[in-house]
């Protein structure tokens, strides 16, 4: 069994990776049209079906931003939510045992990604391969959070019943 300090170091690494992923995911949601434009002009490395899909998305976002720019406010809130969720994980970064509930929340959220992608995806006419890409974010989060949870449980002191002084 590893000493507690090794578990704590692993916990910090896993949570830091998760925070970085959430921040990057959030920051990249703000300039969506610019990113899609860049990809659509440099997409020769992608399979044709993915090029077609991303070009279609770019045209839709560009058209929507031209005609109804206020709708992009929704992706701004999506980006903001990623940043806020990243901040929540600072708690377990500082005190993983006390804030294990945040890790549990993250695991539940990662599982819920599958339901959203697999239920809302067909309703919104999202291709299966793109839904699988969306599911990969849940997988990535679980790959970081499940071991993190296990390490926290290993360093959590056993809760003993209080001795009655009477």
Protein backbone atom coordinates (compact mmCIF):
# COMPACT_ATOMS: atom_id res chain seq x y z
CA UNK A 1 0.00 0.00 0.00
CA UNK A 2 1.28 3.46 -0.87
CA UNK A 3 1.95 6.06 1.83
CA UNK A 4 -0.74 8.73 2.14
CA UNK A 5 1.55 11.37 0.62
CA UNK A 6 1.79 9.34 -2.60
CA UNK A 7 -1.99 9.05 -2.79
CA UNK A 8 -2.35 12.77 -2.14
CA UNK A 9 0.13 13.54 -4.92
CA UNK A 10 -1.80 11.32 -7.35
CA UNK A 11 -5.08 12.93 -6.30
CA UNK A 12 -3.65 16.41 -6.94
CA UNK A 13 -2.37 15.38 -10.38
CA UNK A 14 -5.72 13.86 -11.40
CA UNK A 15 -7.75 16.82 -10.17
CA UNK A 16 -5.35 19.29 -11.79
CA UNK A 17 -5.71 17.47 -15.13
CA UNK A 18 -9.49 17.63 -14.78
CA UNK A 19 -9.42 21.35 -13.96
CA UNK A 20 -7.14 22.06 -16.93
CA UNK A 21 -9.47 20.07 -19.20
CA UNK A 22 -12.53 21.93 -17.96
CA UNK A 23 -10.86 25.32 -18.36
CA UNK A 24 -9.63 24.53 -21.88
CA UNK A 25 -13.04 23.16 -22.81
CA UNK A 26 -14.68 26.31 -21.46
CA UNK A 27 -12.28 28.74 -23.08
CA UNK A 28 -12.60 27.07 -26.48
CA UNK A 29 -16.40 27.40 -26.39
CA UNK A 30 -16.22 31.22 -26.54
CA UNK A 31 -14.60 31.66 -30.00
CA UNK A 32 -16.63 28.87 -31.60
CA UNK A 33 -17.13 30.50 -35.00
CA UNK A 34 -13.45 31.45 -35.33
CA UNK A 35 -12.35 27.94 -34.38
CA UNK A 36 -14.75 26.32 -36.82
CA UNK A 37 -13.59 28.69 -39.57
CA UNK A 38 -9.97 27.73 -38.89
CA UNK A 39 -10.79 24.02 -38.92
CA UNK A 40 -12.88 24.28 -42.09
CA UNK A 41 -9.92 25.92 -43.85
CA UNK A 42 -7.41 23.37 -42.52
CA UNK A 43 -9.42 20.14 -42.50
CA UNK A 44 -7.51 18.10 -45.09
CA UNK A 45 -6.18 15.77 -42.35
CA UNK A 46 -9.73 14.77 -41.36
CA UNK A 47 -11.88 12.06 -42.97
CA UNK A 48 -14.32 13.44 -45.56
CA UNK A 49 -17.44 12.68 -43.50
CA UNK A 50 -15.97 14.72 -40.62
CA UNK A 51 -14.92 17.54 -42.96
CA UNK A 52 -18.49 17.70 -44.29
CA UNK A 53 -19.98 17.70 -40.80
CA UNK A 54 -17.65 20.41 -39.45
CA UNK A 55 -18.12 22.57 -42.56
CA UNK A 56 -21.88 22.24 -42.16
CA UNK A 57 -21.61 23.24 -38.49
CA UNK A 58 -19.37 26.18 -39.38
CA UNK A 59 -21.86 27.46 -41.97
CA UNK A 60 -24.74 27.08 -39.50
CA UNK A 61 -22.87 28.92 -36.73
CA UNK A 62 -21.73 31.64 -39.13
CA UNK A 63 -25.25 32.12 -40.51
CA UNK A 64 -26.77 32.09 -37.04
CA UNK A 65 -24.22 34.61 -35.72
CA UNK A 66 -24.88 36.87 -38.70
CA UNK A 67 -28.64 36.75 -38.34
CA UNK A 68 -29.17 35.97 -34.64
CA UNK A 69 -25.94 36.71 -32.78
CA UNK A 70 -27.73 36.65 -29.44
CA UNK A 71 -28.10 32.86 -29.72
CA UNK A 72 -24.34 32.51 -29.21
CA UNK A 73 -24.92 33.80 -25.72
CA UNK A 74 -25.99 30.21 -25.00
CA UNK A 75 -22.53 28.87 -25.82
CA UNK A 76 -21.05 31.70 -23.73
CA UNK A 77 -23.01 30.32 -20.78
CA UNK A 78 -21.83 26.81 -21.66
CA UNK A 79 -18.24 28.08 -21.57
CA UNK A 80 -18.88 29.89 -18.29
CA UNK A 81 -20.36 26.72 -16.76
CA UNK A 82 -17.18 24.80 -17.59
CA UNK A 83 -15.12 27.48 -15.85
CA UNK A 84 -17.39 27.50 -12.79
CA UNK A 85 -17.29 23.70 -12.54
CA UNK A 86 -13.48 23.87 -12.75
CA UNK A 87 -13.47 26.24 -9.76
CA UNK A 88 -15.57 23.77 -7.75
CA UNK A 89 -12.77 21.20 -8.09
CA UNK A 90 -10.38 23.52 -6.24
CA UNK A 91 -12.10 22.30 -3.05
CA UNK A 92 -10.97 18.68 -3.38
CA UNK A 93 -7.61 19.87 -4.69
CA UNK A 94 -7.10 21.57 -1.31
CA UNK A 95 -8.82 18.99 0.91
CA UNK A 96 -9.83 15.83 -0.95
CA UNK A 97 -11.27 13.97 2.04
CA UNK A 98 -13.52 16.83 3.14
CA UNK A 99 -14.63 17.51 -0.45
CA UNK A 100 -15.05 13.96 -1.72
CA UNK A 101 -18.64 14.90 -2.57
CA UNK A 102 -17.30 17.05 -5.43
CA UNK A 103 -15.55 14.00 -6.88
CA UNK A 104 -18.81 12.02 -6.54
CA UNK A 105 -20.67 14.87 -8.27
CA UNK A 106 -18.08 14.77 -11.08
CA UNK A 107 -18.45 11.03 -11.53
CA UNK A 108 -22.25 11.33 -11.68
CA UNK A 109 -21.91 14.20 -14.19
CA UNK A 110 -19.59 12.12 -16.39
CA UNK A 111 -22.11 9.27 -16.44
CA UNK A 112 -24.87 11.74 -17.32
CA UNK A 113 -22.87 12.81 -20.40
CA UNK A 114 -23.72 9.44 -21.97
CA UNK A 115 -27.44 9.91 -21.40
CA UNK A 116 -27.44 13.40 -22.88
CA UNK A 117 -25.42 12.36 -25.93
CA UNK A 118 -27.39 9.19 -26.56
CA UNK A 119 -30.86 10.67 -25.90
CA UNK A 120 -30.62 14.28 -27.09
CA UNK A 121 -28.20 13.46 -29.92
CA UNK A 122 -30.75 11.64 -32.09
CA UNK A 123 -33.42 14.24 -31.32
CA UNK A 124 -31.06 16.98 -32.53
CA UNK A 125 -29.94 14.89 -35.54
CA UNK A 126 -26.35 14.60 -34.33
CA UNK A 127 -24.45 11.86 -36.21
CA UNK A 128 -23.55 8.76 -34.21
CA UNK A 129 -19.80 9.33 -34.56
CA UNK A 130 -20.18 12.82 -33.07
CA UNK A 131 -22.24 11.47 -30.18
CA UNK A 132 -19.40 9.04 -29.51
CA UNK A 133 -16.95 11.96 -29.47
CA UNK A 134 -19.22 13.65 -26.93
CA UNK A 135 -19.28 10.44 -24.86
CA UNK A 136 -15.48 10.44 -24.86
CA UNK A 137 -15.59 13.49 -22.57
CA UNK A 138 -17.50 11.42 -20.03
CA UNK A 139 -14.99 8.60 -20.42
CA UNK A 140 -12.09 11.02 -19.97
CA UNK A 141 -13.61 12.47 -16.83
CA UNK A 142 -14.26 9.01 -15.40
CA UNK A 143 -10.67 7.94 -16.13
CA UNK A 144 -9.52 10.83 -13.92
CA UNK A 145 -12.23 10.84 -11.24
CA UNK A 146 -12.73 7.15 -10.45
CA UNK A 147 -9.09 6.54 -9.46
CA UNK A 148 -9.13 9.87 -7.65
CA UNK A 149 -12.15 8.71 -5.65
CA UNK A 150 -10.44 5.41 -4.81
CA UNK A 151 -7.29 7.20 -3.63
CA UNK A 152 -9.35 9.53 -1.45
CA UNK A 153 -11.11 6.54 0.13
CA UNK A 154 -7.68 5.04 0.93
CA UNK A 155 -6.56 8.15 2.80
CA UNK A 156 -9.92 8.74 4.51
CA UNK A 157 -9.56 7.97 8.20
CA UNK A 158 -11.88 5.30 9.50
CA UNK A 159 -14.91 6.87 11.13
CA UNK A 160 -15.21 5.41 14.57
CA UNK A 161 -18.30 5.71 16.71
CA UNK A 162 -17.93 8.37 19.37
CA UNK A 163 -17.33 6.98 22.85
CA UNK A 164 -20.00 7.97 25.29
CA UNK A 165 -18.42 9.49 28.37
CA UNK A 166 -21.30 8.45 30.65
